[in-house]
C-alpha atoms as a PDB file:
ATOM      1  CA  MET A   1     -66.679   6.055 -41.494  1.00  0.00           C
ATOM      2  CA  SER A   2     -64.807   7.899 -39.125  1.00  0.00           C
ATOM      3  CA  GLN A   3     -61.524   5.285 -38.711  1.00  0.00           C
ATOM      4  CA  PRO A   4     -60.089   5.791 -42.247  1.00  0.00           C
ATOM      5  CA  VAL A   5     -59.836   9.312 -41.839  1.00  0.00           C
ATOM      6  CA  LEU A   6     -58.471   8.820 -38.428  1.00  0.00           C
ATOM      7  CA  VAL A   7     -55.540   6.671 -39.860  1.00  0.00           C
ATOM      8  CA  TYR A   8     -54.883   8.963 -42.616  1.00  0.00           C
ATOM      9  CA  ASP A   9     -54.645  11.575 -40.039  1.00  0.00           C
ATOM     10  CA  ARG A  10     -52.177   9.670 -38.157  1.00  0.00           C
ATOM     11  CA  ILE A  11     -49.905   9.136 -40.954  1.00  0.00           C
ATOM     12  CA  ALA A  12     -49.679  12.627 -41.892  1.00  0.00           C
ATOM     13  CA  SER A  13     -49.087  13.654 -38.359  1.00  0.00           C
ATOM     14  CA  ASN A  14     -46.374  10.915 -37.988  1.00  0.00           C
ATOM     15  CA  ARG A  15     -44.674  12.590 -41.425  1.00  0.00           C
ATOM     16  CA  VAL A  16     -44.730  15.719 -39.616  1.00  0.00           C
ATOM     17  CA  ARG A  17     -43.351  14.529 -36.338  1.00  0.00           C
ATOM     18  CA  THR A  18     -40.460  12.597 -38.150  1.00  0.00           C
ATOM     19  CA  TRP A  19     -39.146  15.671 -39.997  1.00  0.00           C
ATOM     20  CA  ALA A  20     -39.817  18.036 -36.555  1.00  0.00           C
ATOM     21  CA  LEU A  21     -38.234  15.763 -34.451  1.00  0.00           C
ATOM     22  CA  MET A  22     -34.849  15.852 -36.749  1.00  0.00           C
ATOM     23  CA  ALA A  23     -34.909  19.334 -36.833  1.00  0.00           C
ATOM     24  CA  VAL A  24     -35.303  19.998 -33.422  1.00  0.00           C
ATOM     25  CA  PHE A  25     -32.565  17.156 -32.474  1.00  0.00           C
ATOM     26  CA  ILE A  26     -30.077  19.286 -35.065  1.00  0.00           C
ATOM     27  CA  VAL A  27     -30.961  22.858 -33.548  1.00  0.00           C
ATOM     28  CA  VAL A  28     -30.745  22.005 -30.229  1.00  0.00           C
ATOM     29  CA  THR A  29     -27.836  19.453 -29.807  1.00  0.00           C
ATOM     30  CA  GLY A  30     -25.975  21.443 -32.303  1.00  0.00           C
ATOM     31  CA  ALA A  31     -26.418  24.903 -30.334  1.00  0.00           C
ATOM     32  CA  LEU A  32     -25.023  22.934 -27.293  1.00  0.00           C
ATOM     33  CA  VAL A  33     -22.330  21.126 -28.798  1.00  0.00           C
ATOM     34  CA  ALA A  34     -21.178  24.377 -30.302  1.00  0.00           C
ATOM     35  CA  GLY A  35     -21.372  26.105 -27.283  1.00  0.00           C
ATOM     36  CA  ILE A  36     -19.437  24.014 -25.241  1.00  0.00           C
ATOM     37  CA  THR A  37     -16.523  23.322 -27.957  1.00  0.00           C
ATOM     38  CA  MET A  38     -15.965  27.525 -28.482  1.00  0.00           C
ATOM     39  CA  ALA A  39     -15.893  27.727 -24.537  1.00  0.00           C
ATOM     40  CA  MET A  40     -13.115  25.202 -24.958  1.00  0.00           C
ATOM     41  CA  GLY A  41     -11.321  27.820 -26.788  1.00  0.00           C
ATOM     42  CA  ALA A  42     -12.232  25.937 -30.554  1.00  0.00           C
ATOM     43  CA  PRO A  43     -12.470  28.351 -33.530  1.00  0.00           C
ATOM     44  CA  LEU A  44     -15.515  29.850 -34.512  1.00  0.00           C
ATOM     45  CA  VAL A  45     -15.347  27.747 -37.718  1.00  0.00           C
ATOM     46  CA  VAL A  46     -16.660  24.655 -35.587  1.00  0.00           C
ATOM     47  CA  THR A  47     -20.043  25.741 -35.347  1.00  0.00           C
ATOM     48  CA  PRO A  48     -20.757  24.821 -39.079  1.00  0.00           C
ATOM     49  CA  VAL A  49     -18.788  21.879 -38.667  1.00  0.00           C
ATOM     50  CA  VAL A  50     -20.883  20.487 -35.460  1.00  0.00           C
ATOM     51  CA  PHE A  51     -24.272  21.113 -37.536  1.00  0.00           C
ATOM     52  CA  ALA A  52     -22.925  19.574 -40.383  1.00  0.00           C
ATOM     53  CA  ALA A  53     -21.907  16.378 -38.413  1.00  0.00           C
ATOM     54  CA  LEU A  54     -25.194  16.401 -36.861  1.00  0.00           C
ATOM     55  CA  LEU A  55     -27.037  16.553 -40.116  1.00  0.00           C
ATOM     56  CA  VAL A  56     -25.208  13.676 -41.619  1.00  0.00           C
ATOM     57  CA  TYR A  57     -25.818  11.694 -38.185  1.00  0.00           C
ATOM     58  CA  THR A  58     -29.630  12.497 -38.461  1.00  0.00           C
ATOM     59  CA  LEU A  59     -29.600  11.212 -42.111  1.00  0.00           C
ATOM     60  CA  PHE A  60     -27.839   8.098 -40.988  1.00  0.00           C
ATOM     61  CA  SER A  61     -30.478   7.527 -38.366  1.00  0.00           C
ATOM     62  CA  TYR A  62     -33.313   8.191 -40.840  1.00  0.00           C
ATOM     63  CA  PHE A  63     -31.871   5.409 -43.212  1.00  0.00           C
ATOM     64  CA  ALA A  64     -29.975   3.171 -41.336  1.00  0.00           C
ATOM     65  CA  ALA A  65     -32.159   3.269 -37.580  1.00  0.00           C
ATOM     66  CA  SER A  66     -33.896   0.163 -38.300  1.00  0.00           C
ATOM     67  CA  SER A  67     -30.805  -2.104 -38.812  1.00  0.00           C
ATOM     68  CA  VAL A  68     -29.332  -0.619 -35.622  1.00  0.00           C
ATOM     69  CA  ALA A  69     -32.414  -1.678 -33.768  1.00  0.00           C
ATOM     70  CA  LEU A  70     -32.569  -5.177 -35.186  1.00  0.00           C
ATOM     71  CA  ALA A  71     -29.050  -5.585 -34.820  1.00  0.00           C
ATOM     72  CA  ILE A  72     -28.778  -4.366 -30.678  1.00  0.00           C
ATOM     73  CA  SER A  73     -32.421  -6.611 -30.647  1.00  0.00           C
ATOM     74  CA  GLY A  74     -29.862  -9.674 -31.764  1.00  0.00           C
ATOM     75  CA  ALA A  75     -32.484 -10.314 -34.421  1.00  0.00           C
ATOM     76  CA  HIS A  76     -31.787 -12.317 -37.343  1.00  0.00           C
ATOM     77  CA  GLU A  77     -33.932 -12.686 -40.571  1.00  0.00           C
ATOM     78  CA  VAL A  78     -35.863 -16.231 -41.165  1.00  0.00           C
ATOM     79  CA  THR A  79     -37.050 -17.335 -44.740  1.00  0.00           C
ATOM     80  CA  ARG A  80     -40.401 -19.169 -45.489  1.00  0.00           C
ATOM     81  CA  GLU A  81     -38.562 -22.538 -45.054  1.00  0.00           C
ATOM     82  CA  ASP A  82     -37.298 -21.395 -41.574  1.00  0.00           C
ATOM     83  CA  GLU A  83     -40.580 -20.379 -40.182  1.00  0.00           C
ATOM     84  CA  MET A  84     -43.635 -21.063 -42.728  1.00  0.00           C
ATOM     85  CA  GLU A  85     -46.593 -20.581 -40.073  1.00  0.00           C
ATOM     86  CA  LEU A  86     -45.329 -17.291 -39.160  1.00  0.00           C
ATOM     87  CA  HIS A  87     -44.805 -16.257 -43.089  1.00  0.00           C
ATOM     88  CA  GLN A  88     -48.517 -17.518 -43.689  1.00  0.00           C
ATOM     89  CA  VAL A  89     -49.766 -15.194 -41.076  1.00  0.00           C
ATOM     90  CA  VAL A  90     -47.772 -11.952 -42.058  1.00  0.00           C
ATOM     91  CA  GLU A  91     -48.692 -12.718 -45.940  1.00  0.00           C
ATOM     92  CA  ASN A  92     -52.459 -13.019 -45.334  1.00  0.00           C
ATOM     93  CA  LEU A  93     -52.501 -10.242 -43.268  1.00  0.00           C
ATOM     94  CA  CYS A  94     -50.482  -7.884 -45.580  1.00  0.00           C
ATOM     95  CA  ILE A  95     -53.202  -8.606 -48.388  1.00  0.00           C
ATOM     96  CA  GLY A  96     -56.000  -7.498 -45.796  1.00  0.00           C
ATOM     97  CA  ALA A  97     -53.992  -4.297 -44.808  1.00  0.00           C
ATOM     98  CA  GLY A  98     -52.947  -3.612 -48.497  1.00  0.00           C
ATOM     99  CA  LEU A  99     -49.294  -3.415 -47.233  1.00  0.00           C
ATOM    100  CA  PRO A 100     -46.317  -4.828 -49.055  1.00  0.00           C
ATOM    101  CA  LYS A 101     -44.995  -7.766 -47.273  1.00  0.00           C
ATOM    102  CA  PRO A 102     -42.303  -6.870 -44.625  1.00  0.00           C
ATOM    103  CA  LYS A 103     -38.968  -8.854 -43.980  1.00  0.00           C
ATOM    104  CA  ILE A 104     -39.396 -11.126 -41.002  1.00  0.00           C
ATOM    105  CA  TYR A 105     -36.963 -11.553 -38.382  1.00  0.00           C
ATOM    106  CA  VAL A 106     -36.720 -13.662 -35.236  1.00  0.00           C
ATOM    107  CA  ILE A 107     -35.021 -12.835 -32.018  1.00  0.00           C
ATOM    108  CA  GLU A 108     -34.008 -16.106 -30.175  1.00  0.00           C
ATOM    109  CA  ASP A 109     -35.300 -15.127 -26.818  1.00  0.00           C
ATOM    110  CA  GLY A 110     -37.812 -17.076 -24.106  1.00  0.00           C
ATOM    111  CA  SER A 111     -39.648 -14.088 -24.045  1.00  0.00           C
ATOM    112  CA  PRO A 112     -43.046 -13.321 -25.923  1.00  0.00           C
ATOM    113  CA  ASN A 113     -42.552 -10.035 -27.357  1.00  0.00           C
ATOM    114  CA  ALA A 114     -42.699  -8.165 -30.781  1.00  0.00           C
ATOM    115  CA  PHE A 115     -41.705  -4.850 -32.641  1.00  0.00           C
ATOM    116  CA  ALA A 116     -42.139  -3.215 -36.056  1.00  0.00           C
ATOM    117  CA  THR A 117     -39.459  -1.086 -37.497  1.00  0.00           C
ATOM    118  CA  GLY A 118     -38.737   0.671 -40.847  1.00  0.00           C
ATOM    119  CA  ARG A 119     -38.748   4.303 -42.473  1.00  0.00           C
ATOM    120  CA  ASN A 120     -41.911   3.306 -44.616  1.00  0.00           C
ATOM    121  CA  PRO A 121     -43.755   0.062 -45.731  1.00  0.00           C
ATOM    122  CA  GLU A 122     -41.772  -0.820 -48.524  1.00  0.00           C
ATOM    123  CA  HIS A 123     -38.828  -0.692 -46.199  1.00  0.00           C
ATOM    124  CA  ALA A 124     -40.058  -2.317 -43.258  1.00  0.00           C
ATOM    125  CA  THR A 125     -39.359  -5.299 -40.676  1.00  0.00           C
ATOM    126  CA  VAL A 126     -41.489  -7.282 -38.191  1.00  0.00           C
ATOM    127  CA  ALA A 127     -39.053  -8.997 -35.301  1.00  0.00           C
ATOM    128  CA  VAL A 128     -41.164 -11.314 -33.328  1.00  0.00           C
ATOM    129  CA  THR A 129     -39.059 -13.511 -30.045  1.00  0.00           C
ATOM    130  CA  ARG A 130     -38.821 -17.103 -30.242  1.00  0.00           C
ATOM    131  CA  GLY A 131     -41.165 -17.306 -26.991  1.00  0.00           C
ATOM    132  CA  LEU A 132     -43.770 -15.558 -28.578  1.00  0.00           C
ATOM    133  CA  LEU A 133     -43.687 -18.193 -31.519  1.00  0.00           C
ATOM    134  CA  GLN A 134     -43.771 -20.786 -28.966  1.00  0.00           C
ATOM    135  CA  LYS A 135     -46.149 -19.610 -26.326  1.00  0.00           C
ATOM    136  CA  LEU A 136     -48.789 -17.857 -28.472  1.00  0.00           C
ATOM    137  CA  ASP A 137     -51.384 -19.870 -30.696  1.00  0.00           C
ATOM    138  CA  ARG A 138     -52.159 -18.954 -34.154  1.00  0.00           C
ATOM    139  CA  LEU A 139     -55.132 -16.568 -33.010  1.00  0.00           C
ATOM    140  CA  GLU A 140     -53.107 -14.343 -30.813  1.00  0.00           C
ATOM    141  CA  LEU A 141     -49.987 -14.444 -33.257  1.00  0.00           C
ATOM    142  CA  GLU A 142     -52.218 -13.076 -35.562  1.00  0.00           C
ATOM    143  CA  GLY A 143     -53.445 -10.395 -33.022  1.00  0.00           C
ATOM    144  CA  VAL A 144     -50.000  -9.338 -32.409  1.00  0.00           C
ATOM    145  CA  ILE A 145     -48.574  -9.345 -36.074  1.00  0.00           C
ATOM    146  CA  ALA A 146     -51.722  -7.255 -37.236  1.00  0.00           C
ATOM    147  CA  HIS A 147     -50.835  -4.802 -34.387  1.00  0.00           C
ATOM    148  CA  GLU A 148     -47.405  -4.755 -35.788  1.00  0.00           C
ATOM    149  CA  LEU A 149     -48.288  -4.158 -39.181  1.00  0.00           C
ATOM    150  CA  SER A 150     -50.923  -1.597 -38.408  1.00  0.00           C
ATOM    151  CA  HIS A 151     -47.843   0.452 -36.776  1.00  0.00           C
ATOM    152  CA  ILE A 152     -46.323   0.080 -40.213  1.00  0.00           C
ATOM    153  CA  GLY A 153     -49.362   1.466 -41.915  1.00  0.00           C
ATOM    154  CA  ASN A 154     -49.736   4.183 -39.751  1.00  0.00           C
ATOM    155  CA  ARG A 155     -45.987   5.199 -40.255  1.00  0.00           C
ATOM    156  CA  ASP A 156     -45.788   4.616 -36.494  1.00  0.00           C
ATOM    157  CA  THR A 157     -42.177   2.863 -36.817  1.00  0.00           C
ATOM    158  CA  ARG A 158     -40.513   5.873 -38.827  1.00  0.00           C
ATOM    159  CA  VAL A 159     -40.782   7.913 -35.727  1.00  0.00           C
ATOM    160  CA  ALA A 160     -40.362   5.764 -33.072  1.00  0.00           C
ATOM    161  CA  THR A 161     -37.062   4.064 -34.441  1.00  0.00           C
ATOM    162  CA  ILE A 162     -35.292   7.207 -35.378  1.00  0.00           C
ATOM    163  CA  THR A 163     -36.210   8.458 -31.546  1.00  0.00           C
ATOM    164  CA  VAL A 164     -33.872   5.112 -30.574  1.00  0.00           C
ATOM    165  CA  LEU A 165     -30.382   6.680 -32.222  1.00  0.00           C
ATOM    166  CA  LEU A 166     -31.651  10.372 -31.858  1.00  0.00           C
ATOM    167  CA  VAL A 167     -32.068   9.989 -27.804  1.00  0.00           C
ATOM    168  CA  GLY A 168     -28.836   7.870 -27.543  1.00  0.00           C
ATOM    169  CA  VAL A 169     -26.635  10.228 -29.197  1.00  0.00           C
ATOM    170  CA  THR A 170     -27.927  12.911 -27.266  1.00  0.00           C
ATOM    171  CA  ALA A 171     -27.485  11.164 -23.413  1.00  0.00           C
ATOM    172  CA  LEU A 172     -23.956  10.287 -24.913  1.00  0.00           C
ATOM    173  CA  LEU A 173     -22.732  13.601 -25.614  1.00  0.00           C
ATOM    174  CA  ALA A 174     -23.967  14.539 -22.484  1.00  0.00           C
ATOM    175  CA  ASP A 175     -22.170  12.034 -20.547  1.00  0.00           C
ATOM    176  CA  PHE A 176     -19.332  12.700 -22.738  1.00  0.00           C
ATOM    177  CA  PHE A 177     -18.833  16.129 -21.538  1.00  0.00           C
ATOM    178  CA  LEU A 178     -19.583  16.043 -18.232  1.00  0.00           C
ATOM    179  CA  ARG A 179     -16.701  13.291 -18.024  1.00  0.00           C
ATOM    180  CA  TRP A 180     -14.255  15.865 -19.509  1.00  0.00           C
ATOM    181  CA  THR A 181     -15.048  18.252 -16.938  1.00  0.00           C
ATOM    182  CA  TRP A 182     -14.066  15.848 -14.271  1.00  0.00           C
ATOM    183  CA  TYR A 183     -11.561  14.030 -15.659  1.00  0.00           C
ATOM    184  CA  GLY A 184     -10.117  16.264 -18.108  1.00  0.00           C
ATOM    185  CA  ALA A 185      -9.714  19.823 -17.886  1.00  0.00           C
ATOM    186  CA  GLY A 186     -11.000  20.129 -14.343  1.00  0.00           C
ATOM    187  CA  ALA A 187      -8.348  17.899 -13.404  1.00  0.00           C
ATOM    188  CA  ARG A 188      -5.139  19.212 -14.884  1.00  0.00           C
ATOM    189  CA  ARG A 189      -3.289  21.632 -12.651  1.00  0.00           C
ATOM    190  CA  SER A 190      -2.229  23.540 -16.214  1.00  0.00           C
ATOM    191  CA  ASN A 191      -5.963  24.647 -16.429  1.00  0.00           C
ATOM    192  CA  ARG A 192      -6.813  25.990 -12.958  1.00  0.00           C
ATOM    193  CA  ASP A 193      -5.582  29.511 -13.720  1.00  0.00           C
ATOM    194  CA  ARG A 194      -8.000  32.538 -13.547  1.00  0.00           C
ATOM    195  CA  ASN A 195      -9.347  32.466 -17.474  1.00  0.00           C
ATOM    196  CA  ALA A 196      -9.103  28.645 -17.678  1.00  0.00           C
ATOM    197  CA  GLY A 197     -10.686  27.891 -14.787  1.00  0.00           C
ATOM    198  CA  ALA A 198     -13.727  30.355 -15.523  1.00  0.00           C
ATOM    199  CA  ALA A 199     -13.867  28.645 -18.935  1.00  0.00           C
ATOM    200  CA  THR A 200     -13.942  25.153 -17.511  1.00  0.00           C
ATOM    201  CA  ALA A 201     -16.603  26.490 -15.119  1.00  0.00           C
ATOM    202  CA  ILE A 202     -18.872  27.435 -17.906  1.00  0.00           C
ATOM    203  CA  ILE A 203     -18.255  23.755 -19.589  1.00  0.00           C
ATOM    204  CA  PHE A 204     -19.206  22.167 -16.483  1.00  0.00           C
ATOM    205  CA  ALA A 205     -22.368  24.232 -15.947  1.00  0.00           C
ATOM    206  CA  ILE A 206     -23.340  23.243 -19.588  1.00  0.00           C
ATOM    207  CA  ALA A 207     -22.813  19.885 -19.628  1.00  0.00           C
ATOM    208  CA  LEU A 208     -24.655  19.452 -15.796  1.00  0.00           C
ATOM    209  CA  ILE A 209     -27.393  21.171 -17.432  1.00  0.00           C
ATOM    210  CA  MET A 210     -27.275  18.705 -20.421  1.00  0.00           C
ATOM    211  CA  ALA A 211     -27.172  15.572 -18.114  1.00  0.00           C
ATOM    212  CA  ILE A 212     -29.952  16.803 -16.220  1.00  0.00           C
ATOM    213  CA  LEU A 213     -32.178  17.689 -19.011  1.00  0.00           C
ATOM    214  CA  VAL A 214     -31.240  14.724 -21.537  1.00  0.00           C
ATOM    215  CA  PRO A 215     -33.922  12.405 -19.385  1.00  0.00           C
ATOM    216  CA  LEU A 216     -36.536  15.306 -19.933  1.00  0.00           C
ATOM    217  CA  ALA A 217     -35.781  15.979 -23.425  1.00  0.00           C
ATOM    218  CA  ALA A 218     -36.086  11.940 -24.088  1.00  0.00           C
ATOM    219  CA  GLN A 219     -39.461  12.024 -22.090  1.00  0.00           C
ATOM    220  CA  ALA A 220     -40.597  14.768 -24.673  1.00  0.00           C
ATOM    221  CA  ILE A 221     -39.530  12.833 -27.700  1.00  0.00           C
ATOM    222  CA  ARG A 222     -41.344   9.962 -26.362  1.00  0.00           C
ATOM    223  CA  PHE A 223     -44.478  11.673 -26.049  1.00  0.00           C
ATOM    224  CA  ALA A 224     -44.069  12.910 -29.774  1.00  0.00           C
ATOM    225  CA  VAL A 225     -44.100   8.930 -30.123  1.00  0.00           C
ATOM    226  CA  SER A 226     -46.891   8.719 -27.688  1.00  0.00           C
ATOM    227  CA  ARG A 227     -48.900   6.314 -25.851  1.00  0.00           C
ATOM    228  CA  GLN A 228     -51.886   7.043 -27.936  1.00  0.00           C
ATOM    229  CA  ARG A 229     -50.142   4.672 -30.750  1.00  0.00           C
ATOM    230  CA  GLU A 230     -50.648   1.327 -28.956  1.00  0.00           C
ATOM    231  CA  TYR A 231     -54.032   2.742 -28.778  1.00  0.00           C
ATOM    232  CA  LEU A 232     -54.390   3.129 -32.207  1.00  0.00           C
ATOM    233  CA  ALA A 233     -52.544   0.144 -33.164  1.00  0.00           C
ATOM    234  CA  ASP A 234     -54.632  -2.305 -30.962  1.00  0.00           C
ATOM    235  CA  ALA A 235     -57.845  -1.006 -32.937  1.00  0.00           C
ATOM    236  CA  SER A 236     -56.588  -1.071 -36.431  1.00  0.00           C
ATOM    237  CA  GLY A 237     -55.173  -4.613 -35.959  1.00  0.00           C
ATOM    238  CA  VAL A 238     -58.518  -5.481 -34.306  1.00  0.00           C
ATOM    239  CA  LEU A 239     -59.947  -4.037 -37.348  1.00  0.00           C
ATOM    240  CA  LEU A 240     -58.094  -6.463 -39.744  1.00  0.00           C
ATOM    241  CA  THR A 241     -58.336  -9.596 -37.602  1.00  0.00           C
ATOM    242  CA  ARG A 242     -62.185  -9.051 -36.831  1.00  0.00           C
ATOM    243  CA  TYR A 243     -61.217 -10.990 -33.694  1.00  0.00           C
ATOM    244  CA  PRO A 244     -60.478  -8.423 -30.713  1.00  0.00           C
ATOM    245  CA  PRO A 245     -60.129 -11.907 -28.528  1.00  0.00           C
ATOM    246  CA  GLY A 246     -56.788 -12.622 -29.934  1.00  0.00           C
ATOM    247  CA  LEU A 247     -55.148  -9.754 -29.407  1.00  0.00           C
ATOM    248  CA  ALA A 248     -56.299  -9.537 -25.855  1.00  0.00           C
ATOM    249  CA  SER A 249     -55.639 -12.988 -24.960  1.00  0.00           C
ATOM    250  CA  ALA A 250     -52.118 -12.320 -26.551  1.00  0.00           C
ATOM    251  CA  LEU A 251     -51.457  -9.582 -24.749  1.00  0.00           C
ATOM    252  CA  GLU A 252     -52.677 -11.277 -21.389  1.00  0.00           C
ATOM    253  CA  LYS A 253     -50.082 -14.037 -22.196  1.00  0.00           C
ATOM    254  CA  ILE A 254     -47.413 -11.341 -22.833  1.00  0.00           C
ATOM    255  CA  ALA A 255     -47.931  -9.281 -19.578  1.00  0.00           C
ATOM    256  CA  ALA A 256     -47.718 -12.509 -17.363  1.00  0.00           C
ATOM    257  CA  ASP A 257     -44.614 -14.321 -18.938  1.00  0.00           C
ATOM    258  CA  PRO A 258     -41.999 -14.075 -16.098  1.00  0.00           C
ATOM    259  CA  ASP A 259     -39.213 -14.608 -18.364  1.00  0.00           C
ATOM    260  CA  PRO A 260     -37.117 -11.405 -19.016  1.00  0.00           C
ATOM    261  CA  LEU A 261     -36.551 -10.117 -22.713  1.00  0.00           C
ATOM    262  CA  GLU A 262     -32.493  -9.927 -22.079  1.00  0.00           C
ATOM    263  CA  VAL A 263     -31.974  -7.800 -25.341  1.00  0.00           C
ATOM    264  CA  ALA A 264     -33.968  -4.897 -24.408  1.00  0.00           C
ATOM    265  CA  ASN A 265     -33.162  -1.859 -23.048  1.00  0.00           C
ATOM    266  CA  LYS A 266     -34.132   1.470 -22.342  1.00  0.00           C
ATOM    267  CA  ALA A 267     -33.404   2.842 -25.954  1.00  0.00           C
ATOM    268  CA  THR A 268     -35.209  -0.068 -27.562  1.00  0.00           C
ATOM    269  CA  ALA A 269     -38.240  -0.870 -25.111  1.00  0.00           C
ATOM    270  CA  ALA A 270     -40.500   1.815 -26.715  1.00  0.00           C
ATOM    271  CA  LEU A 271     -40.405  -0.381 -29.835  1.00  0.00           C
ATOM    272  CA  TYR A 272     -42.005  -3.701 -28.476  1.00  0.00           C
ATOM    273  CA  ILE A 273     -45.887  -4.569 -28.227  1.00  0.00           C
ATOM    274  CA  ASN A 274     -45.423  -4.733 -24.414  1.00  0.00           C
ATOM    275  CA  ASN A 275     -42.978  -2.726 -22.219  1.00  0.00           C
ATOM    276  CA  PRO A 276     -40.380  -5.190 -21.783  1.00  0.00           C
ATOM    277  CA  LEU A 277     -38.645  -3.188 -18.743  1.00  0.00           C
ATOM    278  CA  ARG A 278     -42.154  -3.741 -16.988  1.00  0.00           C
ATOM    279  CA  GLU A 279     -40.470  -5.926 -14.159  1.00  0.00           C
ATOM    280  CA  GLN A 280     -37.757  -3.355 -13.506  1.00  0.00           C
ATOM    281  CA  GLY A 281     -38.706  -0.705 -10.702  1.00  0.00           C
ATOM    282  CA  GLY A 282     -37.294   2.837 -10.297  1.00  0.00           C
ATOM    283  CA  PHE A 283     -38.009   6.121 -11.413  1.00  0.00           C
ATOM    284  CA  LEU A 284     -36.400   6.127 -14.644  1.00  0.00           C
ATOM    285  CA  ASN A 285     -38.021   3.187 -16.062  1.00  0.00           C
ATOM    286  CA  GLY A 286     -41.438   5.266 -15.364  1.00  0.00           C
ATOM    287  CA  LEU A 287     -40.023   8.057 -16.638  1.00  0.00           C
ATOM    288  CA  PHE A 288     -39.199   6.422 -20.201  1.00  0.00           C
ATOM    289  CA  ASN A 289     -42.299   4.216 -20.220  1.00  0.00           C
ATOM    290  CA  THR A 290     -43.971   4.820 -23.689  1.00  0.00           C
ATOM    291  CA  HIS A 291     -46.564   2.314 -23.162  1.00  0.00           C
ATOM    292  CA  PRO A 292     -50.480   2.641 -21.810  1.00  0.00           C
ATOM    293  CA  PRO A 293     -51.352   0.387 -18.918  1.00  0.00           C
ATOM    294  CA  VAL A 294     -51.690  -3.447 -20.775  1.00  0.00           C
ATOM    295  CA  ASP A 295     -54.761  -3.795 -18.393  1.00  0.00           C
ATOM    296  CA  GLU A 296     -56.282  -0.527 -19.913  1.00  0.00           C
ATOM    297  CA  ARG A 297     -55.257  -2.086 -23.585  1.00  0.00           C
ATOM    298  CA  ILE A 298     -56.887  -5.488 -22.862  1.00  0.00           C
ATOM    299  CA  ARG A 299     -60.197  -4.074 -21.344  1.00  0.00           C
ATOM    300  CA  ILE A 300     -60.652  -1.897 -24.146  1.00  0.00           C
ATOM    301  CA  LEU A 301     -60.353  -4.882 -26.772  1.00  0.00           C
ATOM    302  CA  ARG A 302     -62.279  -7.121 -24.570  1.00  0.00           C
ATOM    303  CA  ALA A 303     -65.136  -4.460 -24.875  1.00  0.00           C
ATOM    304  CA  MET A 304     -64.917  -4.230 -28.478  1.00  0.00           C
END
């Protein structure tokens, strides 16, 4: 009796997180951008313009983030005639989950992986790689699709997909202002008088702070997405299929597959069922990792 309450609480929590994420993005980014542009000598009127532009971009992210994520991933929609078995699996599981059937996309990549996206179940999409269809059997495929449908039902997809665009534009802004200080005003002789030099120093300091804080802010946003959503989707997916070994075996194959997912990047990696950047070492990949250890996920599934 506790699981339905947990899922409904999760849905309500993700609604709050979505709006909170958008509000924090507008306020913090708007304040930084307005402060830098005013330090450049822009009039005070630029402040409402900056906030209005960020509001428009945030609304665009809310409605168009899924399309952008699919485009970045190189996914294309497939019909029932194109992928009969895949459509059958999705339809059967949607009936069991009480969800409308999402659009189905395929990424032409040999690495097995999958993700779901969409601001709500009525505007959802499930994308799988060609490698997933080729390397998993039907029970394993059902486990993966059930996991992704659980993300849709739990409203995880809305938070995760919006994160892709909001974090991305913040990083671009930080990079733009930092480059401007090095190659723009800071490099012009006409700007080296006392007043301009002070303004440039302020701009450079703010841009440098942004460049340092962006990875930390991105990590904070990804904490909002939370690794726990993967555990919950695993559990919810197993409740749907009634067969824990299917998803456990699928995760084992996905994690062990040597083929890299060529279309993956740090922005979209959090969307996938398993971290597609797992083979790339380095501090930043660990910083941006939103997935719990796959061995731990498999252990929990095997124990069910």
